[in-house]
Amino acid sequence: MEMEQIKQRIIELQVEHRDLDEAIERLAGQPGVDELKLRRLKKRKLQIKDAIALLQMQLVPDVPA
């Protein structure tokens, strides 16, 4: 991936992460919440966070040891 593609993908993932955060907050506030759905959303949010971190590491140039 080129640098601009990586940056664009990071932005897309950050938007998805923020949307999931809002969805989790709304769902958690409802009575009779579906715990399985809530856990799946939280797991997806963590996966997105990890993907963002990996992409951000690709943007940092390697430092010689």
C-alpha atoms as a PDB file:
ATOM      1  CA  MET A   1       0.000   0.000   0.000  1.00  0.00           C
ATOM      2  CA  GLU A   2       1.127   3.497  -0.716  1.00  0.00           C
ATOM      3  CA  MET A   3       1.301   6.096   2.038  1.00  0.00           C
ATOM      4  CA  GLU A   4      -1.832   7.940   0.861  1.00  0.00           C
ATOM      5  CA  GLN A   5      -3.795   4.685   0.669  1.00  0.00           C
ATOM      6  CA  ILE A   6      -2.702   3.796   4.202  1.00  0.00           C
ATOM      7  CA  LYS A   7      -3.698   7.229   5.496  1.00  0.00           C
ATOM      8  CA  GLN A   8      -7.089   6.975   3.775  1.00  0.00           C
ATOM      9  CA  ARG A   9      -7.691   3.496   5.216  1.00  0.00           C
ATOM     10  CA  ILE A  10      -6.785   4.760   8.707  1.00  0.00           C
ATOM     11  CA  ILE A  11      -9.383   7.523   8.351  1.00  0.00           C
ATOM     12  CA  GLU A  12     -12.022   5.021   7.192  1.00  0.00           C
ATOM     13  CA  LEU A  13     -11.286   2.747  10.135  1.00  0.00           C
ATOM     14  CA  GLN A  14     -11.354   5.644  12.590  1.00  0.00           C
ATOM     15  CA  VAL A  15     -14.825   6.614  11.339  1.00  0.00           C
ATOM     16  CA  GLU A  16     -16.023   3.018  11.672  1.00  0.00           C
ATOM     17  CA  HIS A  17     -14.493   2.827  15.185  1.00  0.00           C
ATOM     18  CA  ARG A  18     -16.284   6.018  16.228  1.00  0.00           C
ATOM     19  CA  ASP A  19     -19.591   4.777  14.770  1.00  0.00           C
ATOM     20  CA  LEU A  20     -19.242   1.488  16.633  1.00  0.00           C
ATOM     21  CA  ASP A  21     -18.508   3.356  19.843  1.00  0.00           C
ATOM     22  CA  GLU A  22     -21.759   5.297  19.455  1.00  0.00           C
ATOM     23  CA  ALA A  23     -23.723   2.137  18.591  1.00  0.00           C
ATOM     24  CA  ILE A  24     -22.315   0.323  21.630  1.00  0.00           C
ATOM     25  CA  GLU A  25     -23.217   3.237  23.873  1.00  0.00           C
ATOM     26  CA  ARG A  26     -26.801   3.356  22.540  1.00  0.00           C
ATOM     27  CA  LEU A  27     -27.240  -0.412  22.775  1.00  0.00           C
ATOM     28  CA  ALA A  28     -25.813  -0.610  26.296  1.00  0.00           C
ATOM     29  CA  GLY A  29     -28.292   2.014  27.460  1.00  0.00           C
ATOM     30  CA  GLN A  30     -31.335   0.063  26.309  1.00  0.00           C
ATOM     31  CA  PRO A  31     -33.320  -2.183  28.644  1.00  0.00           C
ATOM     32  CA  GLY A  32     -33.087  -5.892  27.799  1.00  0.00           C
ATOM     33  CA  VAL A  33     -29.872  -5.436  25.863  1.00  0.00           C
ATOM     34  CA  ASP A  34     -28.697  -8.268  23.616  1.00  0.00           C
ATOM     35  CA  GLU A  35     -25.432  -9.178  25.379  1.00  0.00           C
ATOM     36  CA  LEU A  36     -24.160 -11.306  22.483  1.00  0.00           C
ATOM     37  CA  LYS A  37     -24.628  -8.483  19.995  1.00  0.00           C
ATOM     38  CA  LEU A  38     -22.962  -6.066  22.405  1.00  0.00           C
ATOM     39  CA  ARG A  39     -19.949  -8.371  22.826  1.00  0.00           C
ATOM     40  CA  ARG A  40     -19.632  -8.777  19.056  1.00  0.00           C
ATOM     41  CA  LEU A  41     -19.684  -5.021  18.532  1.00  0.00           C
ATOM     42  CA  LYS A  42     -17.024  -4.540  21.214  1.00  0.00           C
ATOM     43  CA  LYS A  43     -14.860  -7.263  19.667  1.00  0.00           C
ATOM     44  CA  ARG A  44     -15.161  -5.643  16.224  1.00  0.00           C
ATOM     45  CA  LYS A  45     -14.225  -2.292  17.752  1.00  0.00           C
ATOM     46  CA  LEU A  46     -11.055  -3.824  19.231  1.00  0.00           C
ATOM     47  CA  GLN A  47     -10.187  -5.435  15.894  1.00  0.00           C
ATOM     48  CA  ILE A  48     -10.510  -2.055  14.197  1.00  0.00           C
ATOM     49  CA  LYS A  49      -8.312  -0.448  16.863  1.00  0.00           C
ATOM     50  CA  ASP A  50      -5.635  -3.093  16.244  1.00  0.00           C
ATOM     51  CA  ALA A  51      -5.869  -2.608  12.469  1.00  0.00           C
ATOM     52  CA  ILE A  52      -5.435   1.152  12.895  1.00  0.00           C
ATOM     53  CA  ALA A  53      -2.339   0.595  15.054  1.00  0.00           C
ATOM     54  CA  LEU A  54      -0.809  -1.750  12.471  1.00  0.00           C
ATOM     55  CA  LEU A  55      -1.415   0.717   9.650  1.00  0.00           C
ATOM     56  CA  GLN A  56       0.027   3.585  11.689  1.00  0.00           C
ATOM     57  CA  MET A  57       3.168   1.515  12.287  1.00  0.00           C
ATOM     58  CA  GLN A  58       3.544   1.172   8.502  1.00  0.00           C
ATOM     59  CA  LEU A  59       3.683   4.956   8.225  1.00  0.00           C
ATOM     60  CA  VAL A  60       6.655   5.195  10.595  1.00  0.00           C
ATOM     61  CA  PRO A  61       9.974   4.650   8.804  1.00  0.00           C
ATOM     62  CA  ASP A  62      12.224   1.892  10.082  1.00  0.00           C
ATOM     63  CA  VAL A  63      14.975   3.092  12.388  1.00  0.00           C
ATOM     64  CA  PRO A  64      18.296   1.282  11.983  1.00  0.00           C
ATOM     65  CA  ALA A  65      19.452  -0.514  15.121  1.00  0.00           C
END
